[in-house]
PDB file of N, CA and C in Angstrom:
ATOM      1  N   MET A   1     108.557  78.332 159.593  1.00  0.00           N
ATOM      2  CA  MET A   1     108.653  78.981 158.304  1.00  0.00           C
ATOM      3  C   MET A   1     109.884  79.902 158.340  1.00  0.00           C
ATOM      4  N   ASP A   2     110.751  79.742 157.383  1.00  0.00           N
ATOM      5  CA  ASP A   2     111.936  80.605 157.365  1.00  0.00           C
ATOM      6  C   ASP A   2     111.719  81.792 156.429  1.00  0.00           C
ATOM      7  N   ASP A   3     112.697  82.682 156.399  1.00  0.00           N
ATOM      8  CA  ASP A   3     112.580  83.914 155.612  1.00  0.00           C
ATOM      9  C   ASP A   3     112.409  83.671 154.117  1.00  0.00           C
ATOM     10  N   LEU A   4     112.874  82.533 153.625  1.00  0.00           N
ATOM     11  CA  LEU A   4     112.778  82.259 152.190  1.00  0.00           C
ATOM     12  C   LEU A   4     111.351  81.958 151.751  1.00  0.00           C
ATOM     13  N   ASP A   5     110.508  81.554 152.681  1.00  0.00           N
ATOM     14  CA  ASP A   5     109.123  81.222 152.343  1.00  0.00           C
ATOM     15  C   ASP A   5     108.188  82.432 152.410  1.00  0.00           C
ATOM     16  N   LEU A   6     108.666  83.535 152.933  1.00  0.00           N
ATOM     17  CA  LEU A   6     107.823  84.715 153.058  1.00  0.00           C
ATOM     18  C   LEU A   6     107.711  85.449 151.729  1.00  0.00           C
ATOM     19  N   THR A   7     106.543  85.954 151.474  1.00  0.00           N
ATOM     20  CA  THR A   7     106.349  86.791 150.300  1.00  0.00           C
ATOM     21  C   THR A   7     106.780  88.198 150.663  1.00  0.00           C
ATOM     22  N   ARG A   8     107.574  88.768 149.805  1.00  0.00           N
ATOM     23  CA  ARG A   8     108.054  90.124 150.054  1.00  0.00           C
ATOM     24  C   ARG A   8     107.366  91.094 149.113  1.00  0.00           C
ATOM     25  N   LYS A   9     107.073  92.235 149.649  1.00  0.00           N
ATOM     26  CA  LYS A   9     106.447  93.286 148.853  1.00  0.00           C
ATOM     27  C   LYS A   9     107.455  94.407 148.707  1.00  0.00           C
ATOM     28  N   PHE A  10     107.679  94.819 147.480  1.00  0.00           N
ATOM     29  CA  PHE A  10     108.584  95.918 147.207  1.00  0.00           C
ATOM     30  C   PHE A  10     107.781  97.059 146.609  1.00  0.00           C
ATOM     31  N   ASP A  11     107.966  98.233 147.158  1.00  0.00           N
ATOM     32  CA  ASP A  11     107.309  99.413 146.604  1.00  0.00           C
ATOM     33  C   ASP A  11     108.193  99.981 145.508  1.00  0.00           C
ATOM     34  N   VAL A  12     107.663 100.002 144.317  1.00  0.00           N
ATOM     35  CA  VAL A  12     108.387 100.554 143.184  1.00  0.00           C
ATOM     36  C   VAL A  12     107.927 101.990 142.998  1.00  0.00           C
ATOM     37  N   VAL A  13     108.866 102.891 142.980  1.00  0.00           N
ATOM     38  CA  VAL A  13     108.525 104.287 142.778  1.00  0.00           C
ATOM     39  C   VAL A  13     108.374 104.508 141.282  1.00  0.00           C
ATOM     40  N   ASP A  14     107.160 104.806 140.874  1.00  0.00           N
ATOM     41  CA  ASP A  14     106.862 105.039 139.468  1.00  0.00           C
ATOM     42  C   ASP A  14     106.924 106.534 139.225  1.00  0.00           C
ATOM     43  N   LYS A  15     107.869 106.942 138.434  1.00  0.00           N
ATOM     44  CA  LYS A  15     108.035 108.369 138.144  1.00  0.00           C
ATOM     45  C   LYS A  15     107.128 108.757 136.988  1.00  0.00           C
ATOM     46  N   LYS A  16     105.872 108.927 137.310  1.00  0.00           N
ATOM     47  CA  LYS A  16     104.916 109.312 136.271  1.00  0.00           C
ATOM     48  C   LYS A  16     105.070 110.788 135.966  1.00  0.00           C
ATOM     49  N   ILE A  17     105.074 111.058 134.694  1.00  0.00           N
ATOM     50  CA  ILE A  17     105.120 112.452 134.256  1.00  0.00           C
ATOM     51  C   ILE A  17     103.680 112.867 134.019  1.00  0.00           C
ATOM     52  N   GLY A  18     103.317 113.994 134.551  1.00  0.00           N
ATOM     53  CA  GLY A  18     101.948 114.464 134.410  1.00  0.00           C
ATOM     54  C   GLY A  18     101.594 114.786 132.972  1.00  0.00           C
ATOM     55  N   THR A  19     100.322 114.786 132.696  1.00  0.00           N
ATOM     56  CA  THR A  19      99.825 115.062 131.350  1.00  0.00           C
ATOM     57  C   THR A  19     100.303 116.411 130.843  1.00  0.00           C
ATOM     58  N   ARG A  20     100.275 117.406 131.701  1.00  0.00           N
ATOM     59  CA  ARG A  20     100.692 118.747 131.295  1.00  0.00           C
ATOM     60  C   ARG A  20     102.158 118.755 130.880  1.00  0.00           C
ATOM     61  N   GLU A  21     102.989 118.065 131.648  1.00  0.00           N
ATOM     62  CA  GLU A  21     104.417 118.016 131.336  1.00  0.00           C
ATOM     63  C   GLU A  21     104.672 117.263 130.028  1.00  0.00           C
ATOM     64  N   ILE A  22     103.943 116.182 129.822  1.00  0.00           N
ATOM     65  CA  ILE A  22     104.095 115.414 128.583  1.00  0.00           C
ATOM     66  C   ILE A  22     103.682 116.266 127.389  1.00  0.00           C
ATOM     67  N   LEU A  23     102.527 116.902 127.503  1.00  0.00           N
ATOM     68  CA  LEU A  23     102.030 117.716 126.402  1.00  0.00           C
ATOM     69  C   LEU A  23     102.979 118.880 126.105  1.00  0.00           C
ATOM     70  N   SER A  24     103.510 119.487 127.137  1.00  0.00           N
ATOM     71  CA  SER A  24     104.471 120.583 126.947  1.00  0.00           C
ATOM     72  C   SER A  24     105.744 120.097 126.268  1.00  0.00           C
ATOM     73  N   SER A  25     106.210 118.943 126.679  1.00  0.00           N
ATOM     74  CA  SER A  25     107.420 118.371 126.082  1.00  0.00           C
ATOM     75  C   SER A  25     107.202 118.024 124.613  1.00  0.00           C
ATOM     76  N   VAL A  26     106.055 117.427 124.316  1.00  0.00           N
ATOM     77  CA  VAL A  26     105.717 117.073 122.937  1.00  0.00           C
ATOM     78  C   VAL A  26     105.601 118.346 122.096  1.00  0.00           C
ATOM     79  N   TYR A  27     104.944 119.350 122.636  1.00  0.00           N
ATOM     80  CA  TYR A  27     104.799 120.642 121.954  1.00  0.00           C
ATOM     81  C   TYR A  27     106.179 121.216 121.610  1.00  0.00           C
ATOM     82  N   ASP A  28     107.070 121.241 122.599  1.00  0.00           N
ATOM     83  CA  ASP A  28     108.418 121.787 122.389  1.00  0.00           C
ATOM     84  C   ASP A  28     109.186 120.996 121.327  1.00  0.00           C
ATOM     85  N   SER A  29     109.065 119.679 121.368  1.00  0.00           N
ATOM     86  CA  SER A  29     109.769 118.837 120.391  1.00  0.00           C
ATOM     87  C   SER A  29     109.265 119.100 118.981  1.00  0.00           C
ATOM     88  N   LEU A  30     107.950 119.213 118.842  1.00  0.00           N
ATOM     89  CA  LEU A  30     107.380 119.493 117.518  1.00  0.00           C
ATOM     90  C   LEU A  30     107.842 120.855 117.010  1.00  0.00           C
ATOM     91  N   LYS A  31     107.842 121.837 117.892  1.00  0.00           N
ATOM     92  CA  LYS A  31     108.254 123.188 117.511  1.00  0.00           C
ATOM     93  C   LYS A  31     109.727 123.205 117.090  1.00  0.00           C
ATOM     94  N   LEU A  32     110.572 122.513 117.862  1.00  0.00           N
ATOM     95  CA  LEU A  32     111.998 122.451 117.537  1.00  0.00           C
ATOM     96  C   LEU A  32     112.266 121.805 116.177  1.00  0.00           C
ATOM     97  N   LYS A  33     111.421 120.871 115.798  1.00  0.00           N
ATOM     98  CA  LYS A  33     111.598 120.186 114.508  1.00  0.00           C
ATOM     99  C   LYS A  33     110.938 120.938 113.356  1.00  0.00           C
ATOM    100  N   GLY A  34     110.327 122.095 113.650  1.00  0.00           N
ATOM    101  CA  GLY A  34     109.771 122.927 112.591  1.00  0.00           C
ATOM    102  C   GLY A  34     108.325 122.647 112.237  1.00  0.00           C
ATOM    103  N   TYR A  35     107.641 121.847 113.041  1.00  0.00           N
ATOM    104  CA  TYR A  35     106.229 121.562 112.800  1.00  0.00           C
ATOM    105  C   TYR A  35     105.358 122.604 113.487  1.00  0.00           C
ATOM    106  N   ASN A  36     104.102 122.693 113.061  1.00  0.00           N
ATOM    107  CA  ASN A  36     103.115 123.484 113.770  1.00  0.00           C
ATOM    108  C   ASN A  36     102.571 122.570 114.873  1.00  0.00           C
ATOM    109  N   PRO A  37     102.986 122.802 116.124  1.00  0.00           N
ATOM    110  CA  PRO A  37     102.639 121.866 117.206  1.00  0.00           C
ATOM    111  C   PRO A  37     101.141 121.704 117.424  1.00  0.00           C
ATOM    112  N   ILE A  38     100.392 122.788 117.317  1.00  0.00           N
ATOM    113  CA  ILE A  38      98.946 122.702 117.539  1.00  0.00           C
ATOM    114  C   ILE A  38      98.305 121.800 116.487  1.00  0.00           C
ATOM    115  N   ASN A  39      98.633 122.022 115.217  1.00  0.00           N
ATOM    116  CA  ASN A  39      98.063 121.195 114.145  1.00  0.00           C
ATOM    117  C   ASN A  39      98.435 119.726 114.318  1.00  0.00           C
ATOM    118  N   GLN A  40      99.676 119.460 114.694  1.00  0.00           N
ATOM    119  CA  GLN A  40     100.127 118.072 114.832  1.00  0.00           C
ATOM    120  C   GLN A  40      99.445 117.388 116.012  1.00  0.00           C
ATOM    121  N   ILE A  41      99.325 118.089 117.126  1.00  0.00           N
ATOM    122  CA  ILE A  41      98.682 117.491 118.303  1.00  0.00           C
ATOM    123  C   ILE A  41      97.195 117.262 118.049  1.00  0.00           C
ATOM    124  N   VAL A  42      96.540 118.224 117.398  1.00  0.00           N
ATOM    125  CA  VAL A  42      95.119 118.047 117.055  1.00  0.00           C
ATOM    126  C   VAL A  42      94.963 116.858 116.107  1.00  0.00           C
ATOM    127  N   GLY A  43      95.841 116.747 115.122  1.00  0.00           N
ATOM    128  CA  GLY A  43      95.797 115.605 114.206  1.00  0.00           C
ATOM    129  C   GLY A  43      95.938 114.295 114.949  1.00  0.00           C
ATOM    130  N   TYR A  44      96.840 114.257 115.910  1.00  0.00           N
ATOM    131  CA  TYR A  44      97.015 113.042 116.716  1.00  0.00           C
ATOM    132  C   TYR A  44      95.762 112.733 117.531  1.00  0.00           C
ATOM    133  N   ILE A  45      95.206 113.760 118.177  1.00  0.00           N
ATOM    134  CA  ILE A  45      94.028 113.536 119.018  1.00  0.00           C
ATOM    135  C   ILE A  45      92.854 113.034 118.187  1.00  0.00           C
ATOM    136  N   LEU A  46      92.641 113.637 117.016  1.00  0.00           N
ATOM    137  CA  LEU A  46      91.497 113.243 116.183  1.00  0.00           C
ATOM    138  C   LEU A  46      91.654 111.848 115.592  1.00  0.00           C
ATOM    139  N   SER A  47      92.872 111.500 115.205  1.00  0.00           N
ATOM    140  CA  SER A  47      93.076 110.235 114.504  1.00  0.00           C
ATOM    141  C   SER A  47      93.680 109.136 115.380  1.00  0.00           C
ATOM    142  N   GLU A  48      94.311 109.528 116.464  1.00  0.00           N
ATOM    143  CA  GLU A  48      95.101 108.635 117.321  1.00  0.00           C
ATOM    144  C   GLU A  48      96.231 107.963 116.534  1.00  0.00           C
ATOM    145  N   ASP A  49      96.662 108.632 115.486  1.00  0.00           N
ATOM    146  CA  ASP A  49      97.779 108.155 114.663  1.00  0.00           C
ATOM    147  C   ASP A  49      99.062 108.794 115.206  1.00  0.00           C
ATOM    148  N   PRO A  50      99.928 107.999 115.823  1.00  0.00           N
ATOM    149  CA  PRO A  50     101.124 108.560 116.457  1.00  0.00           C
ATOM    150  C   PRO A  50     102.125 109.168 115.478  1.00  0.00           C
ATOM    151  N   THR A  51     101.956 108.924 114.190  1.00  0.00           N
ATOM    152  CA  THR A  51     102.909 109.499 113.237  1.00  0.00           C
ATOM    153  C   THR A  51     102.756 111.015 113.104  1.00  0.00           C
ATOM    154  N   TYR A  52     101.700 111.577 113.677  1.00  0.00           N
ATOM    155  CA  TYR A  52     101.577 113.032 113.726  1.00  0.00           C
ATOM    156  C   TYR A  52     102.623 113.638 114.655  1.00  0.00           C
ATOM    157  N   ILE A  53     103.155 112.819 115.544  1.00  0.00           N
ATOM    158  CA  ILE A  53     104.108 113.287 116.556  1.00  0.00           C
ATOM    159  C   ILE A  53     105.504 112.793 116.201  1.00  0.00           C
ATOM    160  N   THR A  54     106.458 113.695 116.259  1.00  0.00           N
ATOM    161  CA  THR A  54     107.840 113.356 115.948  1.00  0.00           C
ATOM    162  C   THR A  54     108.436 112.390 116.971  1.00  0.00           C
ATOM    163  N   ASN A  55     109.418 111.629 116.542  1.00  0.00           N
ATOM    164  CA  ASN A  55     110.164 110.778 117.467  1.00  0.00           C
ATOM    165  C   ASN A  55     111.217 111.575 118.234  1.00  0.00           C
ATOM    166  N   TYR A  56     111.499 112.782 117.777  1.00  0.00           N
ATOM    167  CA  TYR A  56     112.519 113.622 118.395  1.00  0.00           C
ATOM    168  C   TYR A  56     112.244 113.782 119.892  1.00  0.00           C
ATOM    169  N   ASN A  57     113.278 113.636 120.692  1.00  0.00           N
ATOM    170  CA  ASN A  57     113.182 113.720 122.161  1.00  0.00           C
ATOM    171  C   ASN A  57     112.171 112.732 122.750  1.00  0.00           C
ATOM    172  N   ASN A  58     111.931 111.638 122.052  1.00  0.00           N
ATOM    173  CA  ASN A  58     111.021 110.588 122.534  1.00  0.00           C
ATOM    174  C   ASN A  58     109.574 111.081 122.664  1.00  0.00           C
ATOM    175  N   ALA A  59     109.233 112.119 121.887  1.00  0.00           N
ATOM    176  CA  ALA A  59     107.907 112.732 121.995  1.00  0.00           C
ATOM    177  C   ALA A  59     106.779 111.758 121.661  1.00  0.00           C
ATOM    178  N   ARG A  60     106.981 110.930 120.657  1.00  0.00           N
ATOM    179  CA  ARG A  60     105.922 109.996 120.256  1.00  0.00           C
ATOM    180  C   ARG A  60     105.635 108.989 121.359  1.00  0.00           C
ATOM    181  N   ALA A  61     106.671 108.463 121.955  1.00  0.00           N
ATOM    182  CA  ALA A  61     106.481 107.500 123.049  1.00  0.00           C
ATOM    183  C   ALA A  61     105.811 108.165 124.247  1.00  0.00           C
ATOM    184  N   LEU A  62     106.174 109.411 124.495  1.00  0.00           N
ATOM    185  CA  LEU A  62     105.572 110.126 125.623  1.00  0.00           C
ATOM    186  C   LEU A  62     104.074 110.333 125.425  1.00  0.00           C
ATOM    187  N   ILE A  63     103.689 110.807 124.250  1.00  0.00           N
ATOM    188  CA  ILE A  63     102.266 111.098 124.044  1.00  0.00           C
ATOM    189  C   ILE A  63     101.434 109.824 124.036  1.00  0.00           C
ATOM    190  N   CYS A  64     102.044 108.717 123.657  1.00  0.00           N
ATOM    191  CA  CYS A  64     101.322 107.441 123.663  1.00  0.00           C
ATOM    192  C   CYS A  64     101.061 106.933 125.085  1.00  0.00           C
ATOM    193  N   ARG A  65     101.713 107.535 126.083  1.00  0.00           N
ATOM    194  CA  ARG A  65     101.479 107.165 127.473  1.00  0.00           C
ATOM    195  C   ARG A  65     100.177 107.748 128.005  1.00  0.00           C
ATOM    196  N   ILE A  66      99.663 108.747 127.311  1.00  0.00           N
ATOM    197  CA  ILE A  66      98.437 109.423 127.752  1.00  0.00           C
ATOM    198  C   ILE A  66      97.245 108.787 127.042  1.00  0.00           C
ATOM    199  N   ASP A  67      96.232 108.442 127.814  1.00  0.00           N
ATOM    200  CA  ASP A  67      94.987 107.956 127.224  1.00  0.00           C
ATOM    201  C   ASP A  67      94.320 109.125 126.508  1.00  0.00           C
ATOM    202  N   ARG A  68      93.947 108.921 125.263  1.00  0.00           N
ATOM    203  CA  ARG A  68      93.404 110.012 124.455  1.00  0.00           C
ATOM    204  C   ARG A  68      92.130 110.602 125.051  1.00  0.00           C
ATOM    205  N   ASP A  69      91.252 109.768 125.588  1.00  0.00           N
ATOM    206  CA  ASP A  69      90.020 110.279 126.202  1.00  0.00           C
ATOM    207  C   ASP A  69      90.324 111.143 127.427  1.00  0.00           C
ATOM    208  N   GLU A  70      91.291 110.711 128.225  1.00  0.00           N
ATOM    209  CA  GLU A  70      91.677 111.497 129.396  1.00  0.00           C
ATOM    210  C   GLU A  70      92.301 112.823 128.970  1.00  0.00           C
ATOM    211  N   LEU A  71      93.091 112.776 127.899  1.00  0.00           N
ATOM    212  CA  LEU A  71      93.702 113.994 127.384  1.00  0.00           C
ATOM    213  C   LEU A  71      92.630 114.988 126.942  1.00  0.00           C
ATOM    214  N   LEU A  72      91.642 114.526 126.191  1.00  0.00           N
ATOM    215  CA  LEU A  72      90.553 115.405 125.749  1.00  0.00           C
ATOM    216  C   LEU A  72      89.786 115.976 126.934  1.00  0.00           C
ATOM    217  N   GLN A  73      89.522 115.141 127.909  1.00  0.00           N
ATOM    218  CA  GLN A  73      88.797 115.591 129.098  1.00  0.00           C
ATOM    219  C   GLN A  73      89.583 116.681 129.816  1.00  0.00           C
ATOM    220  N   GLU A  74      90.874 116.473 130.000  1.00  0.00           N
ATOM    221  CA  GLU A  74      91.699 117.477 130.679  1.00  0.00           C
ATOM    222  C   GLU A  74      91.778 118.777 129.882  1.00  0.00           C
ATOM    223  N   LEU A  75      91.868 118.667 128.564  1.00  0.00           N
ATOM    224  CA  LEU A  75      91.922 119.873 127.739  1.00  0.00           C
ATOM    225  C   LEU A  75      90.635 120.680 127.837  1.00  0.00           C
ATOM    226  N   VAL A  76      89.500 120.003 127.791  1.00  0.00           N
ATOM    227  CA  VAL A  76      88.213 120.697 127.879  1.00  0.00           C
ATOM    228  C   VAL A  76      88.060 121.330 129.261  1.00  0.00           C
ATOM    229  N   GLU A  77      88.394 120.566 130.310  1.00  0.00           N
ATOM    230  CA  GLU A  77      88.291 121.111 131.672  1.00  0.00           C
ATOM    231  C   GLU A  77      89.191 122.337 131.828  1.00  0.00           C
ATOM    232  N   SER A  78      90.400 122.257 131.332  1.00  0.00           N
ATOM    233  CA  SER A  78      91.334 123.359 131.435  1.00  0.00           C
ATOM    234  C   SER A  78      90.823 124.578 130.674  1.00  0.00           C
ATOM    235  N   TYR A  79      90.300 124.360 129.494  1.00  0.00           N
ATOM    236  CA  TYR A  79      89.767 125.457 128.683  1.00  0.00           C
ATOM    237  C   TYR A  79      88.604 126.136 129.382  1.00  0.00           C
ATOM    238  N   LEU A  80      87.691 125.344 129.919  1.00  0.00           N
ATOM    239  CA  LEU A  80      86.516 125.910 130.564  1.00  0.00           C
ATOM    240  C   LEU A  80      86.862 126.604 131.877  1.00  0.00           C
ATOM    241  N   GLU A  81      87.850 126.119 132.592  1.00  0.00           N
ATOM    242  CA  GLU A  81      88.280 126.765 133.838  1.00  0.00           C
ATOM    243  C   GLU A  81      88.883 128.136 133.555  1.00  0.00           C
ATOM    244  N   LYS A  82      89.595 128.282 132.458  1.00  0.00           N
ATOM    245  CA  LYS A  82      90.214 129.563 132.123  1.00  0.00           C
ATOM    246  C   LYS A  82      89.193 130.603 131.724  1.00  0.00           C
ATOM    247  N   ASP A  83      88.055 130.171 131.169  1.00  0.00           N
ATOM    248  CA  ASP A  83      87.010 131.099 130.759  1.00  0.00           C
ATOM    249  C   ASP A  83      86.149 131.557 131.931  1.00  0.00           C
ATOM    250  N   SER A  84      86.175 130.839 133.020  1.00  0.00           N
ATOM    251  CA  SER A  84      85.312 131.170 134.179  1.00  0.00           C
ATOM    252  C   SER A  84      85.819 132.368 134.922  1.00  0.00           C
TER     253      SER A  84
END
């Protein structure tokens, strides 16, 4: 068997941006465009309609990378941890 018949495995480094960083970036983009970021993000979470989020700075594409259920779970956990 020569080298051409071997299966090669390549490790791809996936530069995942954490949920907190994505949410912060989306918040900043909304604020820069003159929107109320909290209202827009809540609207997106409740409806899952990405048009609540601006395209500015690729914010809409970024927020769509986060699973909405995971986002809600992280927000609730974060809120409850701060109250403890």
